[in-house]
Amino acid sequence: MGLLAVTQAPLAKCQWDLRLCAHYLAGAIAPTTDAMKDPIMKLYYATGTCSLSPHIVANEAGIPLELVRVDIRKSPHVTEAGSDYSVVNPNGYVPALALDDGTVLTEGTAIVQYLADLKPESRLVPPAGTPQRVELQSWLNFIATELHKMFSPWLFHPEYGAQSADVARAKIAERLASVERHLAAGRPFLLAESFTAADAYLFTIVGWSNFAKVDLSNFPHLRDFMARVEARPAVQQAMRAERIKVSA
């Protein structure tokens, strides 16, 4: 749907349409008919952080988001408009997802499931109550506790020292070896053939490896996985919107 079609909506939706157009022009969302149906949610993000994961999931599901950048270099953290981010999330970190009714969701693993459940036809999460959903949640928890929290803070804060960083890299290598064995069984994604929210999260965290000096040379299947995920249009769209360099 082109810009002209967007701006020809009824007067009752003018404010919504103008906001949608702004995000369309900024490249933050793709214009779709579905985007006109529901109020837009706000994703609070910071470039190069785990907030990329729910952004990818939203893009894959065709859910438009209003992106609000948070400057995490300042203390206290502030939004791009200069407001105190702790009002949104008292914990101070991203992501946070603000719903149209004022509810704010935090914790990336919860947010990705919420977004994916809004569009079950996207198959980004298996149905609740199934063994497959538990498998997905197991992967989300594994990535969060065994990878995410090994990268951050230990490899992002030099004040912890070189010894702590070396221990963290060794532990990350052990966990990545488990992922490598899983993918080596012929699975293109964590849950076999279908791309899911767990893949978005794994891609986001492993994407920190170059910056954090984590060697991936011993994990060819994982490297193939990273290239396969990055090639997805929805992933590239999210990366570009967050000013993250796309490899290809």
Protein backbone atom coordinates (compact mmCIF):
# COMPACT_ATOMS: atom_id res chain seq x y z
CA MET A 1 0.00 0.00 0.00
CA GLY A 2 1.50 3.34 -1.02
CA LEU A 3 1.71 6.57 0.92
CA LEU A 4 -1.33 8.03 -0.85
CA ALA A 5 -3.48 5.09 0.21
CA VAL A 6 -2.32 5.46 3.79
CA THR A 7 -3.28 9.13 3.95
CA GLN A 8 -6.76 8.57 2.52
CA ALA A 9 -8.09 6.82 5.64
CA PRO A 10 -11.13 8.24 7.50
CA LEU A 11 -10.67 11.30 9.67
CA ALA A 12 -11.07 9.25 12.83
CA LYS A 13 -7.80 7.53 12.01
CA CYS A 14 -5.81 10.57 10.84
CA GLN A 15 -3.47 10.67 13.82
CA TRP A 16 -2.78 6.95 13.51
CA ASP A 17 -2.18 7.25 9.77
CA LEU A 18 0.29 10.11 10.15
CA ARG A 19 2.26 8.14 12.73
CA LEU A 20 2.25 5.09 10.50
CA CYS A 21 3.43 7.15 7.52
CA ALA A 22 6.26 8.59 9.56
CA HIS A 23 7.49 5.12 10.47
CA TYR A 24 7.06 3.93 6.89
CA LEU A 25 9.20 6.79 5.58
CA ALA A 26 11.79 6.19 8.30
CA GLY A 27 12.04 2.54 7.29
CA ALA A 28 11.09 1.34 10.75
CA ILE A 29 8.06 -0.60 9.53
CA ALA A 30 6.77 -1.98 6.29
CA PRO A 31 3.40 -0.54 5.17
CA THR A 32 0.72 -3.23 5.20
CA THR A 33 -3.04 -3.32 5.38
CA ASP A 34 -2.79 -5.18 8.70
CA ALA A 35 -0.83 -2.28 10.16
CA MET A 36 -3.95 -0.10 9.89
CA LYS A 37 -6.05 -2.33 12.12
CA ASP A 38 -4.42 -2.06 15.54
CA PRO A 39 -2.92 0.76 17.62
CA ILE A 40 0.84 0.85 17.32
CA MET A 41 3.04 -0.30 20.20
CA LYS A 42 6.28 1.35 21.28
CA LEU A 43 9.50 -0.62 21.43
CA TYR A 44 12.19 1.01 23.55
CA TYR A 45 15.54 -0.08 22.17
CA ALA A 46 19.25 0.71 22.13
CA THR A 47 21.52 -0.02 19.19
CA GLY A 48 23.62 -3.13 19.62
CA THR A 49 21.62 -4.57 22.50
CA CYS A 50 19.23 -7.49 22.98
CA SER A 51 16.30 -5.26 21.98
CA LEU A 52 17.04 -6.32 18.41
CA SER A 53 15.44 -9.68 19.18
CA PRO A 54 11.82 -8.49 19.72
CA HIS A 55 12.27 -6.06 16.84
CA ILE A 56 13.06 -8.98 14.55
CA VAL A 57 10.09 -10.95 15.85
CA ALA A 58 7.74 -8.02 15.26
CA ASN A 59 9.02 -7.61 11.71
CA GLU A 60 8.71 -11.32 10.99
CA ALA A 61 5.12 -11.26 12.30
CA GLY A 62 4.19 -8.11 10.39
CA ILE A 63 3.53 -6.12 13.57
CA PRO A 64 4.26 -2.39 13.25
CA LEU A 65 6.19 -0.79 16.08
CA GLU A 66 7.01 2.75 17.01
CA LEU A 67 10.71 2.70 17.79
CA VAL A 68 11.96 4.80 20.70
CA ARG A 69 15.73 4.88 21.02
CA VAL A 70 17.22 4.91 24.51
CA ASP A 71 20.64 6.42 25.16
CA ILE A 72 22.20 3.90 27.52
CA ARG A 73 25.49 5.80 27.55
CA LYS A 74 23.96 8.44 29.78
CA SER A 75 23.16 7.92 33.43
CA PRO A 76 20.33 7.90 34.09
CA HIS A 77 19.34 6.53 30.71
CA VAL A 78 17.20 8.84 28.62
CA THR A 79 15.07 8.45 25.51
CA GLU A 80 15.90 10.27 22.30
CA ALA A 81 13.42 12.95 23.38
CA GLY A 82 15.37 13.45 26.61
CA SER A 83 12.90 11.87 29.02
CA ASP A 84 13.99 9.68 31.93
CA TYR A 85 13.82 6.07 30.77
CA SER A 86 13.47 4.77 34.32
CA VAL A 87 9.88 6.05 34.22
CA VAL A 88 9.25 3.41 31.54
CA ASN A 89 11.37 0.63 33.02
CA PRO A 90 12.62 1.17 36.58
CA ASN A 91 15.28 -1.51 35.96
CA GLY A 92 16.79 0.83 33.38
CA TYR A 93 17.55 -1.66 30.62
CA VAL A 94 16.02 -2.38 27.24
CA PRO A 95 13.88 -3.71 25.72
CA ALA A 96 10.54 -2.49 26.96
CA LEU A 97 7.30 -2.71 25.03
CA ALA A 98 4.60 -0.12 25.75
CA LEU A 99 1.11 -1.25 24.79
CA ASP A 100 -1.61 1.13 23.68
CA ASP A 101 -3.41 0.81 27.04
CA GLY A 102 -0.36 2.03 28.97
CA THR A 103 0.85 -1.40 30.04
CA VAL A 104 4.63 -1.79 29.78
CA LEU A 105 6.14 -5.23 29.22
CA THR A 106 9.77 -5.90 30.11
CA GLU A 107 12.22 -8.80 29.69
CA GLY A 108 13.02 -9.76 26.14
CA THR A 109 12.09 -13.43 26.44
CA ALA A 110 8.60 -12.47 27.58
CA ILE A 111 8.19 -9.73 24.98
CA VAL A 112 9.08 -11.98 22.03
CA GLN A 113 6.47 -14.54 23.10
CA TYR A 114 3.84 -11.86 23.57
CA LEU A 115 4.48 -10.42 20.11
CA ALA A 116 4.55 -13.80 18.40
CA ASP A 117 1.33 -14.88 20.11
CA LEU A 118 -0.39 -11.84 18.60
CA LYS A 119 0.18 -13.41 15.18
CA PRO A 120 -0.05 -17.19 15.65
CA GLU A 121 -0.14 -17.65 11.89
CA SER A 122 3.49 -16.47 11.80
CA ARG A 123 4.51 -19.68 13.63
CA LEU A 124 7.21 -17.76 15.49
CA VAL A 125 6.22 -19.60 18.66
CA PRO A 126 4.46 -22.98 18.93
CA PRO A 127 1.02 -23.04 20.57
CA ALA A 128 0.94 -22.66 24.35
CA GLY A 129 0.70 -25.92 26.25
CA THR A 130 2.52 -28.02 23.65
CA PRO A 131 5.88 -29.76 24.10
CA GLN A 132 7.21 -27.63 21.26
CA ARG A 133 6.38 -24.45 23.20
CA VAL A 134 8.27 -25.79 26.19
CA GLU A 135 11.22 -26.55 23.90
CA LEU A 136 11.16 -22.98 22.64
CA GLN A 137 11.03 -21.64 26.21
CA SER A 138 13.93 -23.91 27.14
CA TRP A 139 16.01 -22.37 24.36
CA LEU A 140 15.02 -18.85 25.36
CA ASN A 141 16.08 -19.56 28.94
CA PHE A 142 19.32 -21.20 27.82
CA ILE A 143 20.24 -18.23 25.66
CA ALA A 144 19.33 -15.76 28.40
CA THR A 145 21.19 -17.43 31.25
CA GLU A 146 24.05 -19.30 29.59
CA LEU A 147 24.94 -16.89 26.78
CA HIS A 148 23.43 -13.46 27.27
CA LYS A 149 24.56 -13.15 30.89
CA MET A 150 28.02 -14.42 30.03
CA PHE A 151 28.51 -11.74 27.40
CA SER A 152 27.02 -9.00 29.54
CA PRO A 153 28.36 -7.72 31.85
CA TRP A 154 31.61 -9.71 31.80
CA LEU A 155 32.76 -8.85 28.27
CA PHE A 156 31.27 -5.37 28.04
CA HIS A 157 32.81 -3.82 31.15
CA PRO A 158 36.64 -3.74 31.22
CA GLU A 159 36.56 -2.88 34.92
CA TYR A 160 35.82 -6.54 35.66
CA GLY A 161 39.31 -7.41 34.46
CA ALA A 162 40.97 -9.70 31.94
CA GLN A 163 40.69 -12.82 34.07
CA SER A 164 36.91 -12.51 34.35
CA ALA A 165 36.68 -11.94 30.60
CA ASP A 166 38.75 -15.04 29.86
CA VAL A 167 36.55 -17.16 32.13
CA ALA A 168 33.42 -15.78 30.44
CA ARG A 169 34.76 -16.52 26.95
CA ALA A 170 35.62 -20.09 27.95
CA LYS A 171 32.13 -20.62 29.35
CA ILE A 172 30.54 -19.11 26.23
CA ALA A 173 32.61 -21.45 24.05
CA GLU A 174 31.29 -24.45 26.01
CA ARG A 175 27.70 -23.34 25.52
CA LEU A 176 28.19 -22.51 21.85
CA ALA A 177 29.58 -26.03 21.39
CA SER A 178 26.22 -27.35 22.59
CA VAL A 179 24.42 -25.17 20.05
CA GLU A 180 26.84 -26.31 17.36
CA ARG A 181 26.10 -29.99 18.07
CA HIS A 182 22.37 -29.28 17.95
CA LEU A 183 22.60 -27.52 14.58
CA ALA A 184 25.00 -30.13 13.21
CA ALA A 185 22.16 -32.68 13.23
CA GLY A 186 20.82 -31.03 10.08
CA ARG A 187 18.57 -28.44 11.70
CA PRO A 188 18.56 -25.07 9.93
CA PHE A 189 17.03 -23.49 13.06
CA LEU A 190 16.79 -24.32 16.74
CA LEU A 191 13.33 -25.88 16.40
CA ALA A 192 14.20 -27.76 13.20
CA GLU A 193 12.73 -26.28 10.01
CA SER A 194 10.84 -23.23 11.30
CA PHE A 195 12.39 -19.90 12.23
CA THR A 196 11.17 -18.91 15.68
CA ALA A 197 11.61 -16.26 18.34
CA ALA A 198 14.42 -18.37 19.83
CA ASP A 199 16.40 -18.01 16.62
CA ALA A 200 15.96 -14.24 16.71
CA TYR A 201 17.35 -14.18 20.25
CA LEU A 202 20.27 -16.50 19.49
CA PHE A 203 21.18 -14.44 16.41
CA THR A 204 21.12 -11.24 18.47
CA ILE A 205 23.36 -12.53 21.26
CA VAL A 206 25.85 -14.43 19.09
CA GLY A 207 26.02 -11.27 16.98
CA TRP A 208 28.04 -9.71 19.78
CA SER A 209 30.89 -12.17 19.26
CA ASN A 210 33.05 -9.99 17.05
CA PHE A 211 32.84 -7.00 19.38
CA ALA A 212 33.40 -9.20 22.46
CA LYS A 213 36.25 -11.14 20.81
CA VAL A 214 34.52 -14.50 21.02
CA ASP A 215 36.03 -16.87 18.46
CA LEU A 216 33.44 -18.65 16.28
CA SER A 217 35.95 -20.42 14.03
CA ASN A 218 35.24 -23.81 15.62
CA PHE A 219 31.49 -23.54 15.03
CA PRO A 220 30.81 -23.80 11.28
CA HIS A 221 27.15 -24.75 11.65
CA LEU A 222 26.57 -21.82 13.96
CA ARG A 223 28.26 -19.49 11.49
CA ASP A 224 26.01 -20.84 8.74
CA PHE A 225 23.03 -20.26 11.03
CA MET A 226 24.07 -16.64 11.57
CA ALA A 227 24.37 -16.04 7.84
CA ARG A 228 21.03 -17.76 7.18
CA VAL A 229 19.23 -15.61 9.73
CA GLU A 230 20.87 -12.37 8.65
CA ALA A 231 19.76 -13.02 5.06
CA ARG A 232 16.10 -12.81 6.10
CA PRO A 233 14.51 -9.54 4.93
CA ALA A 234 12.77 -8.93 8.25
CA VAL A 235 16.08 -9.27 10.08
CA GLN A 236 17.87 -6.87 7.78
CA GLN A 237 15.01 -4.41 8.10
CA ALA A 238 15.33 -4.44 11.89
CA MET A 239 19.10 -4.11 11.77
CA ARG A 240 19.01 -1.14 9.43
CA ALA A 241 16.31 0.58 11.47
CA GLU A 242 18.52 0.22 14.55
CA ARG A 243 21.62 1.38 12.63
CA ILE A 244 23.34 -1.98 12.81
CA LYS A 245 25.60 -2.87 9.90
CA VAL A 246 24.30 -5.66 7.67
CA SER A 247 27.02 -7.99 6.39
CA ALA A 248 25.50 -8.59 2.95
